[in-house]
Protein backbone atom coordinates (compact mmCIF):
# COMPACT_ATOMS: atom_id res chain seq x y z
CA MET A 1 122.36 107.30 73.89
CA LEU A 2 119.01 106.90 75.63
CA GLN A 3 117.12 103.74 74.73
CA ASP A 4 113.69 102.43 75.59
CA PHE A 5 113.03 99.24 77.54
CA ALA A 6 111.95 95.95 75.99
CA PHE A 7 108.38 94.67 75.98
CA TYR A 8 107.07 92.16 78.52
CA THR A 9 106.83 88.43 77.93
CA TRP A 10 104.62 85.86 79.62
CA ALA A 11 107.66 83.80 80.60
CA GLN A 12 109.16 86.52 82.79
CA PHE A 13 106.06 86.46 85.04
CA ALA A 14 105.97 82.65 85.34
CA PRO A 15 107.11 82.58 89.02
CA ALA A 16 104.28 84.96 89.93
CA PHE A 17 101.77 82.70 88.19
CA VAL A 18 103.12 79.73 90.14
CA LEU A 19 102.80 81.53 93.47
CA VAL A 20 99.25 82.70 92.73
CA GLY A 21 98.32 79.20 91.56
CA ILE A 22 99.60 77.62 94.76
CA ALA A 23 97.77 80.26 96.83
CA ALA A 24 94.53 79.48 94.96
CA ALA A 25 95.05 75.75 95.52
CA LEU A 26 95.57 76.31 99.24
CA LEU A 27 92.35 78.34 99.40
CA MET A 28 90.48 75.54 97.61
CA VAL A 29 91.83 72.97 100.04
CA ASP A 30 90.86 75.18 102.98
CA THR A 31 87.34 75.58 101.57
CA PHE A 32 86.51 72.07 100.39
CA ALA A 33 88.65 70.08 102.86
CA PRO A 34 88.14 71.96 106.13
CA ARG A 35 89.59 69.10 108.19
CA PHE A 36 92.95 69.37 106.45
CA PRO A 37 95.42 70.54 109.15
CA LYS A 38 96.09 74.26 108.82
CA GLN A 39 99.70 73.76 109.88
CA GLY A 40 100.08 71.64 106.76
CA LEU A 41 98.89 74.60 104.69
CA ALA A 42 101.53 76.74 106.42
CA VAL A 43 104.31 74.27 105.59
CA ILE A 44 103.23 74.03 101.93
CA SER A 45 102.99 77.81 101.63
CA ALA A 46 106.37 78.40 103.28
CA LEU A 47 108.18 75.80 101.19
CA SER A 48 106.58 77.12 98.01
CA ALA A 49 107.80 80.65 98.71
CA ILE A 50 111.31 79.55 99.72
CA VAL A 51 111.76 77.21 96.73
CA THR A 52 110.49 79.92 94.36
CA GLY A 53 112.93 82.40 95.88
CA LEU A 54 115.87 80.03 95.50
CA PHE A 55 114.81 79.23 91.94
CA ILE A 56 114.71 82.86 90.80
CA LEU A 57 117.82 83.93 92.73
CA PRO A 58 120.27 85.16 90.08
CA GLY A 59 123.57 83.38 89.78
CA ASP A 60 125.38 86.73 89.94
CA GLY A 61 124.57 87.11 93.62
CA GLY A 62 121.49 89.28 93.27
CA ILE A 63 122.79 92.05 91.01
CA SER A 64 119.50 92.27 89.11
CA LEU A 65 116.26 93.38 90.71
CA THR A 66 115.12 89.76 90.56
CA GLY A 67 117.51 89.23 93.46
CA LEU A 68 115.30 91.49 95.59
CA ALA A 69 112.28 89.41 94.54
CA ALA A 70 114.13 86.24 95.57
CA LEU A 71 114.97 87.79 98.93
CA ALA A 72 111.33 88.80 99.40
CA CYS A 73 110.09 85.29 98.58
CA ILE A 74 112.52 83.65 101.01
CA ALA A 75 111.57 86.15 103.73
CA THR A 76 107.89 85.43 103.03
CA GLY A 77 108.55 81.72 103.44
CA ALA A 78 110.35 82.35 106.73
CA ALA A 79 107.45 84.48 107.97
CA VAL A 80 104.88 81.81 107.09
CA LEU A 81 107.10 79.11 108.58
CA LEU A 82 106.82 80.85 111.95
CA GLY A 83 103.07 80.29 111.59
CA VAL A 84 103.65 76.58 112.16
CA ASP A 85 104.98 77.17 115.68
CA TYR A 86 102.74 80.23 116.10
CA HIS A 87 99.61 78.34 115.06
CA LYS A 88 98.04 78.12 118.51
CA VAL A 89 98.25 81.90 118.92
CA THR A 90 96.79 82.35 115.44
CA CYS A 91 93.79 80.15 116.21
CA GLU A 92 93.12 81.87 119.55
CA SER A 93 93.34 85.33 117.95
CA VAL A 94 91.15 84.53 114.94
CA CYS A 95 88.41 82.20 116.09
CA GLY A 96 89.07 81.33 119.73
CA ALA A 97 90.78 78.35 121.34
CA GLY A 98 89.91 74.88 120.07
CA SER A 99 89.04 75.87 116.49
CA GLN A 100 91.09 76.40 113.32
CA GLU A 101 88.28 77.90 111.28
CA GLY A 102 89.20 81.01 109.32
CA THR A 103 92.98 80.59 109.55
CA GLY A 104 93.65 79.10 106.11
CA GLU A 105 93.80 82.44 104.31
CA PHE A 106 96.53 83.57 106.71
CA TYR A 107 98.92 81.16 104.98
CA ALA A 108 97.76 81.75 101.41
CA LEU A 109 97.73 85.56 101.24
CA PRO A 110 101.52 85.93 101.71
CA LEU A 111 102.03 84.00 98.47
CA VAL A 112 99.81 86.49 96.63
CA ALA A 113 101.80 89.35 98.14
CA ALA A 114 105.08 87.70 97.12
CA ALA A 115 103.73 87.34 93.56
CA GLY A 116 103.03 91.09 93.56
CA ILE A 117 106.60 91.78 94.65
CA PHE A 118 108.00 89.63 91.86
CA CYS A 119 105.86 91.41 89.25
CA LEU A 120 107.08 94.69 90.70
CA THR A 121 110.70 93.79 89.99
CA GLN A 122 109.79 93.21 86.33
CA ALA A 123 107.99 96.55 85.92
CA ARG A 124 109.10 98.88 83.14
CA ASP A 125 106.18 101.29 83.35
CA ILE A 126 104.20 102.99 86.09
CA ILE A 127 101.00 101.00 85.42
CA THR A 128 102.68 97.64 86.06
CA LEU A 129 104.52 99.12 89.01
CA PHE A 130 101.32 100.47 90.55
CA VAL A 131 99.22 97.32 90.03
CA SER A 132 101.98 95.09 91.42
CA LEU A 133 102.42 97.36 94.41
CA GLU A 134 98.68 97.31 95.11
CA VAL A 135 98.60 93.50 95.02
CA LEU A 136 101.25 93.56 97.73
CA THR A 137 99.62 96.37 99.70
CA LEU A 138 96.07 95.02 99.69
CA SER A 139 97.28 91.63 100.89
CA SER A 140 99.30 93.34 103.62
CA TYR A 141 96.24 95.28 104.84
CA VAL A 142 94.35 92.04 105.43
CA LEU A 143 97.32 90.28 107.05
CA ALA A 144 98.08 93.15 109.44
CA GLY A 145 94.54 93.15 110.82
CA TYR A 146 93.95 89.40 110.54
CA PHE A 147 93.74 88.71 114.29
CA ARG A 148 90.20 90.03 114.69
CA ARG A 149 90.01 89.02 118.36
CA ASN A 150 93.16 91.03 119.08
CA ARG A 151 92.55 94.75 119.46
CA GLY A 152 96.13 95.64 118.60
CA SER A 153 95.98 93.73 115.31
CA VAL A 154 92.70 95.36 114.27
CA GLU A 155 94.09 98.78 115.13
CA ALA A 156 97.25 98.04 113.15
CA GLY A 157 95.20 96.97 110.13
CA VAL A 158 93.07 100.12 110.21
CA LYS A 159 96.08 102.45 110.58
CA TYR A 160 97.92 100.68 107.79
CA LEU A 161 94.84 100.90 105.56
CA VAL A 162 94.26 104.62 106.13
CA LEU A 163 97.88 105.68 105.72
CA GLY A 164 98.39 103.22 102.87
CA ALA A 165 95.45 104.75 101.03
CA LEU A 166 97.12 108.14 101.41
CA SER A 167 100.38 106.84 99.92
CA THR A 168 98.46 105.23 97.07
CA GLY A 169 96.77 108.54 96.33
CA LEU A 170 100.15 110.28 96.23
CA LEU A 171 101.50 107.62 93.89
CA VAL A 172 98.53 107.94 91.54
CA PHE A 173 98.77 111.73 91.59
CA GLY A 174 102.45 111.49 90.70
CA ALA A 175 101.68 109.04 87.90
CA ALA A 176 99.09 111.43 86.49
CA TRP A 177 101.59 114.30 86.47
CA TYR A 178 104.22 112.01 84.91
CA PHE A 179 101.86 111.05 82.09
CA GLY A 180 100.83 114.67 81.57
CA MET A 181 104.45 115.81 81.24
CA THR A 182 105.78 112.92 79.11
CA GLY A 183 102.72 111.52 77.34
CA SER A 184 103.65 107.99 78.44
CA PHE A 185 103.76 105.76 81.53
CA SER A 186 107.04 104.16 80.45
CA LEU A 187 109.88 104.31 83.00
CA SER A 188 112.51 104.67 80.30
CA PRO A 189 115.21 107.34 80.06
CA ALA A 190 114.00 108.30 76.59
CA THR A 191 110.50 109.03 77.90
CA LEU A 192 111.76 111.06 80.84
CA ALA A 193 114.17 113.00 78.62
CA VAL A 194 111.18 114.36 76.67
CA GLY A 195 110.08 116.25 79.77
CA PHE A 196 113.53 117.41 80.85
CA LEU A 197 114.44 118.70 77.40
CA SER A 198 111.26 120.81 77.30
CA PRO A 199 111.76 123.86 79.56
CA GLY A 200 108.04 124.25 80.22
CA ARG A 201 107.72 120.69 81.57
CA ILE A 202 110.67 120.43 83.93
CA THR A 203 108.75 121.70 86.96
CA GLY A 204 105.94 119.22 86.27
CA ILE A 205 108.40 116.33 85.96
CA LEU A 206 110.04 117.21 89.27
CA LEU A 207 106.64 117.50 90.94
CA ALA A 208 105.64 114.11 89.56
CA TYR A 209 108.78 112.53 90.98
CA VAL A 210 108.20 114.10 94.40
CA PHE A 211 104.82 112.34 94.64
CA LEU A 212 106.18 109.09 93.20
CA PHE A 213 109.01 109.12 95.72
CA ALA A 214 106.52 109.78 98.52
CA GLY A 215 104.67 106.59 97.60
CA ALA A 216 107.94 104.64 97.57
CA PHE A 217 109.09 106.16 100.87
CA PHE A 218 105.92 104.81 102.51
CA LYS A 219 106.89 101.24 101.61
CA VAL A 220 110.48 101.55 102.86
CA GLY A 221 109.49 103.48 105.98
CA ALA A 222 111.44 106.63 105.21
CA ALA A 223 110.53 110.04 106.60
CA PRO A 224 108.08 111.68 106.35
CA MET A 225 106.06 108.55 105.44
CA HIS A 226 107.25 106.52 108.43
CA GLY A 227 104.47 107.08 110.98
CA TRP A 228 102.70 103.77 110.43
CA ILE A 229 105.66 101.48 111.12
CA PRO A 230 105.93 101.38 114.96
CA ASP A 231 102.17 100.93 115.50
CA VAL A 232 101.72 98.35 112.74
CA TYR A 233 104.82 96.34 113.65
CA GLN A 234 103.69 96.20 117.28
CA GLY A 235 100.04 95.39 116.61
CA ALA A 236 100.31 93.07 113.62
CA PRO A 237 100.79 89.31 114.06
CA THR A 238 104.50 88.59 114.44
CA PRO A 239 104.74 86.60 111.16
CA VAL A 240 103.22 89.63 109.39
CA SER A 241 105.73 91.94 111.09
CA ILE A 242 108.50 89.79 109.60
CA PHE A 243 106.91 90.06 106.16
CA LEU A 244 106.49 93.82 106.39
CA GLY A 245 109.97 94.31 107.81
CA VAL A 246 111.86 92.38 105.13
CA ALA A 247 109.78 91.45 102.07
CA SER A 248 107.71 94.62 101.87
CA LYS A 249 110.79 96.76 102.50
CA ALA A 250 112.61 94.99 99.66
CA ALA A 251 109.68 95.84 97.40
CA GLY A 252 109.87 99.49 98.44
CA PHE A 253 113.54 99.75 97.55
CA CYS A 254 112.83 98.04 94.26
CA VAL A 255 110.36 100.85 93.51
CA LEU A 256 112.99 103.45 94.40
CA ILE A 257 115.57 101.85 92.10
CA LEU A 258 113.05 101.65 89.24
CA LEU A 259 112.30 105.35 89.67
CA PHE A 260 115.96 106.35 90.01
CA ARG A 261 117.12 104.46 86.92
CA PRO A 262 115.68 106.84 84.31
CA PHE A 263 116.09 109.85 86.60
CA TYR A 264 119.85 109.43 87.09
CA THR A 265 120.32 108.46 83.46
CA VAL A 266 118.86 111.80 82.37
CA LEU A 267 120.91 113.58 85.02
CA SER A 268 124.03 112.04 83.48
CA VAL A 269 123.46 114.33 80.45
CA PRO A 270 125.76 117.30 81.19
CA GLU A 271 123.33 120.08 80.27
CA VAL A 272 120.69 118.59 82.58
CA GLY A 273 122.85 117.24 85.40
CA SER A 274 124.69 120.50 85.93
CA LEU A 275 121.39 122.16 86.84
CA TYR A 276 119.57 119.53 88.88
CA THR A 277 122.04 117.04 90.42
CA ASP A 278 122.76 119.25 93.44
CA ARG A 279 119.04 119.75 94.05
CA VAL A 280 118.39 116.00 93.91
CA VAL A 281 121.26 115.28 96.30
CA PHE A 282 120.00 117.94 98.74
CA PHE A 283 116.48 116.48 98.61
CA LEU A 284 117.86 113.01 99.31
CA THR A 285 120.09 114.10 102.15
CA VAL A 286 117.24 115.83 103.98
CA ILE A 287 115.14 112.65 103.72
CA MET A 288 118.07 110.50 104.84
CA ALA A 289 118.93 112.70 107.82
CA ALA A 290 115.32 112.79 109.01
CA THR A 291 114.93 109.02 108.57
CA LEU A 292 118.13 108.24 110.45
CA LEU A 293 117.30 110.55 113.36
CA ILE A 294 113.65 109.54 113.73
CA GLY A 295 114.39 105.82 113.53
CA ASN A 296 117.43 105.58 115.75
CA LEU A 297 116.58 108.22 118.36
CA GLY A 298 112.96 107.08 118.46
CA ALA A 299 114.03 103.52 119.31
CA ILE A 300 115.97 104.54 122.43
CA PRO A 301 113.02 105.00 124.87
CA GLN A 302 111.02 101.98 123.63
CA SER A 303 110.26 99.17 126.06
CA ASN A 304 108.23 96.95 123.69
CA VAL A 305 110.65 94.91 121.56
CA LYS A 306 108.41 94.78 118.48
CA ARG A 307 107.94 98.53 118.62
CA LEU A 308 111.71 98.94 119.09
CA LEU A 309 112.26 96.81 115.98
CA GLY A 310 109.78 99.05 114.17
CA TYR A 311 111.82 102.17 114.89
CA SER A 312 114.93 100.15 114.10
CA SER A 313 113.44 99.39 110.69
CA ILE A 314 113.11 103.13 110.02
CA GLY A 315 116.71 103.70 111.04
CA GLN A 316 117.95 100.83 108.88
CA ALA A 317 116.04 102.30 105.93
CA GLY A 318 118.03 105.49 106.46
CA PHE A 319 121.31 103.62 106.18
CA ILE A 320 120.14 101.85 103.02
CA LEU A 321 119.17 105.21 101.52
CA LEU A 322 122.77 106.35 102.02
CA LEU A 323 123.68 103.89 99.26
CA PHE A 324 121.81 106.09 96.79
CA LEU A 325 124.32 108.88 97.42
CA GLY A 326 127.21 106.95 95.89
CA ILE A 327 126.66 108.65 92.55
CA GLN A 328 130.31 108.28 91.61
CA SER A 329 129.91 104.50 91.70
CA PHE A 330 127.37 104.64 88.87
CA GLU A 331 128.99 103.97 85.51
CA VAL A 332 127.70 106.02 82.58
CA ALA A 333 127.47 103.71 79.60
CA GLU A 334 126.01 104.25 76.13
CA SER A 335 122.60 103.07 77.32
CA GLY A 336 122.65 105.35 80.36
CA VAL A 337 123.61 104.86 84.00
CA GLU A 338 124.53 101.33 85.08
CA PHE A 339 123.01 100.65 88.51
CA VAL A 340 124.82 97.38 89.19
CA PRO A 341 126.80 98.66 92.24
CA LEU A 342 123.70 100.23 93.77
CA GLN A 343 121.51 97.16 93.24
CA HIS A 344 124.23 94.87 94.55
CA ASN A 345 124.75 96.91 97.72
CA VAL A 346 121.02 97.33 98.40
CA PHE A 347 120.59 93.58 97.95
CA TYR A 348 123.47 92.87 100.35
CA TYR A 349 122.21 95.28 102.99
CA LEU A 350 118.65 93.92 102.83
CA THR A 351 120.02 90.37 103.02
CA ALA A 352 122.06 91.19 106.11
CA TYR A 353 119.10 93.04 107.61
CA GLY A 354 116.71 90.18 106.83
CA LEU A 355 119.04 87.52 108.27
CA ALA A 356 119.05 89.43 111.56
CA THR A 357 115.46 90.67 111.62
CA VAL A 358 113.76 87.33 110.90
CA PRO A 359 115.31 85.53 113.92
CA ALA A 360 114.82 88.66 116.06
CA PHE A 361 111.06 88.50 115.47
CA TYR A 362 111.17 84.72 115.95
CA ALA A 363 112.72 85.36 119.37
CA VAL A 364 109.99 87.86 120.22
CA ALA A 365 107.32 85.32 119.24
CA LEU A 366 108.96 82.56 121.31
CA VAL A 367 109.24 84.78 124.38
CA ARG A 368 105.66 85.97 123.88
CA MET A 369 104.33 82.41 123.71
CA SER A 370 106.28 81.30 126.81
CA ARG A 371 106.13 84.38 129.04
CA GLY A 372 103.10 86.21 127.66
CA SER A 373 104.87 89.51 126.98
CA GLU A 374 106.84 91.34 124.28
CA GLU A 375 108.39 93.83 126.70
CA LEU A 376 112.12 94.09 127.32
CA SER A 377 111.59 92.68 130.79
CA ALA A 378 110.31 89.42 129.27
CA PHE A 379 113.89 88.71 128.08
CA ARG A 380 115.12 88.99 131.67
CA GLY A 381 117.70 86.34 132.59
CA LEU A 382 117.26 84.41 129.37
CA ALA A 383 120.99 83.63 129.26
CA LYS A 384 120.62 81.68 132.52
CA THR A 385 117.47 79.74 131.58
CA ASN A 386 118.24 79.15 127.87
CA PRO A 387 121.86 80.10 127.04
CA ARG A 388 121.79 78.76 123.48
CA LEU A 389 118.79 80.87 122.56
CA ALA A 390 120.33 83.90 124.28
CA PHE A 391 123.52 83.50 122.23
CA LEU A 392 121.59 83.27 118.95
CA ILE A 393 119.58 86.38 119.83
CA THR A 394 122.77 88.21 120.79
CA VAL A 395 124.35 87.58 117.38
CA CYS A 396 121.21 88.85 115.62
CA PHE A 397 121.03 92.12 117.54
CA ALA A 398 124.80 92.56 117.32
CA SER A 399 124.51 92.34 113.53
CA LEU A 400 121.68 94.88 113.50
CA ALA A 401 123.90 97.19 115.53
CA GLY A 402 126.84 96.68 113.17
CA VAL A 403 129.30 94.77 115.34
CA PRO A 404 132.39 93.61 113.38
CA LEU A 405 132.50 90.02 112.09
CA THR A 406 128.77 90.11 111.39
CA ALA A 407 127.04 90.82 108.08
CA GLY A 408 125.47 93.94 109.57
CA PHE A 409 128.91 95.52 109.98
CA ILE A 410 129.76 95.01 106.29
CA ALA A 411 126.37 96.40 105.30
CA LYS A 412 126.82 99.58 107.35
CA PHE A 413 130.39 99.88 106.09
CA ARG A 414 129.09 99.98 102.52
CA SER A 415 126.63 102.70 103.47
CA PHE A 416 129.38 104.87 104.94
CA VAL A 417 131.58 104.32 101.88
CA ALA A 418 128.70 105.41 99.62
CA LEU A 419 128.29 108.51 101.77
CA LEU A 420 131.99 109.32 101.42
CA GLN A 421 131.65 108.97 97.65
CA CYS A 422 128.81 111.46 97.36
CA GLY A 423 131.22 114.12 96.07
CA SER A 424 129.58 116.98 97.98
CA CYS A 425 131.61 118.44 100.86
CA SER A 426 128.63 120.30 102.31
CA THR A 427 126.53 117.13 102.36
CA LEU A 428 129.35 115.14 103.90
CA CYS A 429 130.02 117.70 106.64
CA TRP A 430 126.54 117.50 108.18
CA LEU A 431 125.23 114.08 107.11
CA LEU A 432 128.29 112.08 108.19
CA PRO A 433 128.08 113.18 111.87
CA ILE A 434 124.37 112.33 111.88
CA ALA A 435 125.08 108.85 110.48
CA VAL A 436 127.82 108.25 113.08
CA ILE A 437 125.58 109.39 115.96
CA CYS A 438 122.71 107.20 114.75
CA ALA A 439 125.00 104.19 114.37
CA ALA A 440 126.17 104.73 117.97
CA ALA A 441 122.54 105.04 119.13
CA GLY A 442 121.86 101.66 117.52
CA PHE A 443 124.46 100.06 119.78
CA TYR A 444 122.66 101.47 122.82
CA TYR A 445 119.11 100.33 122.13
CA TYR A 446 120.01 96.94 120.62
CA PHE A 447 122.25 96.14 123.57
CA LYS A 448 119.43 96.96 126.00
CA ILE A 449 117.97 93.57 125.03
CA ILE A 450 121.32 91.83 125.42
CA ARG A 451 121.73 93.45 128.85
CA GLU A 452 118.34 92.11 129.96
CA MET A 453 119.36 88.59 128.95
CA TYR A 454 122.81 88.55 130.56
CA TRP A 455 122.83 91.10 133.40
CA GLU A 456 119.34 90.69 134.88
CA LYS A 457 118.33 87.71 136.98
CA PRO A 458 115.18 85.75 136.10
CA LEU A 459 112.30 85.84 138.56
CA GLU A 460 110.71 82.72 139.93
CA SER A 461 107.60 83.49 137.89
CA ASP A 462 109.58 83.67 134.61
CA LYS A 463 108.84 80.50 132.68
CA PRO A 464 111.65 78.90 130.63
CA VAL A 465 111.37 79.73 126.92
CA THR A 466 110.77 76.63 124.84
CA VAL A 467 112.08 76.61 121.27
CA PRO A 468 110.34 74.27 118.77
CA GLY A 469 112.46 72.51 116.17
CA ILE A 470 111.49 74.69 113.19
CA SER A 471 112.21 77.92 115.02
CA MET A 472 115.55 76.63 116.29
CA ALA A 473 116.55 75.57 112.77
CA VAL A 474 115.71 79.02 111.37
CA LEU A 475 117.59 80.76 114.18
CA ILE A 476 120.72 78.64 113.69
CA LEU A 477 120.74 79.01 109.90
CA CYS A 478 120.35 82.78 110.08
CA VAL A 479 123.06 83.19 112.71
CA LEU A 480 125.50 81.00 110.75
CA ALA A 481 124.80 83.08 107.63
CA LEU A 482 125.36 86.34 109.56
CA LEU A 483 128.71 85.12 110.87
CA TRP A 484 129.75 83.73 107.50
CA PHE A 485 128.98 86.89 105.53
CA GLY A 486 130.56 88.98 108.25
CA SER A 487 133.82 87.05 108.44
CA LYS A 488 134.26 86.11 104.77
CA PRO A 489 136.00 89.39 103.83
CA LEU A 490 138.84 88.31 106.13
CA PHE A 491 139.60 85.54 103.63
CA CYS A 492 139.35 87.74 100.52
CA ALA A 493 142.56 88.12 98.54
CA SER A 494 142.00 91.84 97.89
CA PRO A 495 140.32 94.80 99.63
CA ALA A 496 137.75 94.81 96.81
CA GLY A 497 136.26 91.71 98.36
CA LEU A 498 135.16 93.76 101.34
CA TRP A 499 133.21 96.09 99.04
CA PHE A 500 131.72 93.83 96.38
CA GLY A 501 132.16 90.26 97.51
CA PHE A 502 129.99 88.07 99.68
């Protein structure tokens, strides 16, 4: 039986109010106490985001969408925390050396964006979803182009703004079609069923979902809405690249889950599902195949590490999308389709991806500050000049590649299991080889960085990379978490622990 969703309450948005309040307080301090150290604002902002994320993290290990909001808040805190060690670069890129003027907003805006992500996870209608997404997106536009003295940052901000405006237009157009076909903005199965059970409205409903999915694909970096990622990741400030790569991506997959919930619930009705399930699966597989190929093959020739991580982000999005094919893992209950396995696996994959991506960008920032470059050659001989840092970086990129005993391996394993559960032999026959080839390509381009660190000799002009205390602490914590999540299934009493357990 299809049921509608409950109404909103003020209490469920309390964490968002807290984040916005702290951001406003930081802006007031920056305005009326200009001598207050900006690094202090960064520490307050980072701790606020991390504590909020830990507070809202569900006790069930992230099964609800609030788990994605918690992950986004913690990733936001980690991104802002890099701003403490990255502060000198921030000042030089915003207002010139010797001045901190105009840098306060750089540490407050991420809290506003994190508040938008949290509101997004609570959305039950397209209006709330759209407004929350725009709070995130508008903040991201400013952050991407914040370094006004850096041409790459300004270019990244402009490209993100133009392409983001296009995705917003597609989302609004889809929302208009959705309202026209159903008479409501509610993302409930009952509302969507009205359109599907009316033969004259089915085409309009499908068209609405195509545009809504296009808007969501922009946020996750899936094809064909992926074009902005390499340029923006390379040009944006490194803390912003971390935010876009983890927190913003988590928000995008939250949007996809919110859209799929009512859609798959209606498809679970036999008279509807028999006609449209195959078409939906075919649409998804084309998107997944294109995303996997563009991301993983596009990363192979890259020499700039941030740009390589941008293409890597596209490829990782393709593997996460494979989780949406595990239709057989969705349980059809009286209230519709239960998305607990999907949400749990998306949360796990994004956690594993975030634990590897955050320190990877930290490493890029540290090398950039010490050697003045983000190219692969800047990592040359790092294992000989700083072996501890080289080892930490190696674990991170090994996890992104999917090496066993790391969290990234378990995450990719879940994606392949979901693909095997898709129930369509034709889909499996051509999508599985693509996924295997792309996973193998990941080993090649991630290990290019490891090869530079261990096989190449440092030049006399290569300065040793210094690692401040905060950055080292983040690197160590992330690496320990990657190894723990990757090796824990070895201690599980049953094979089910490998699939569901942390």
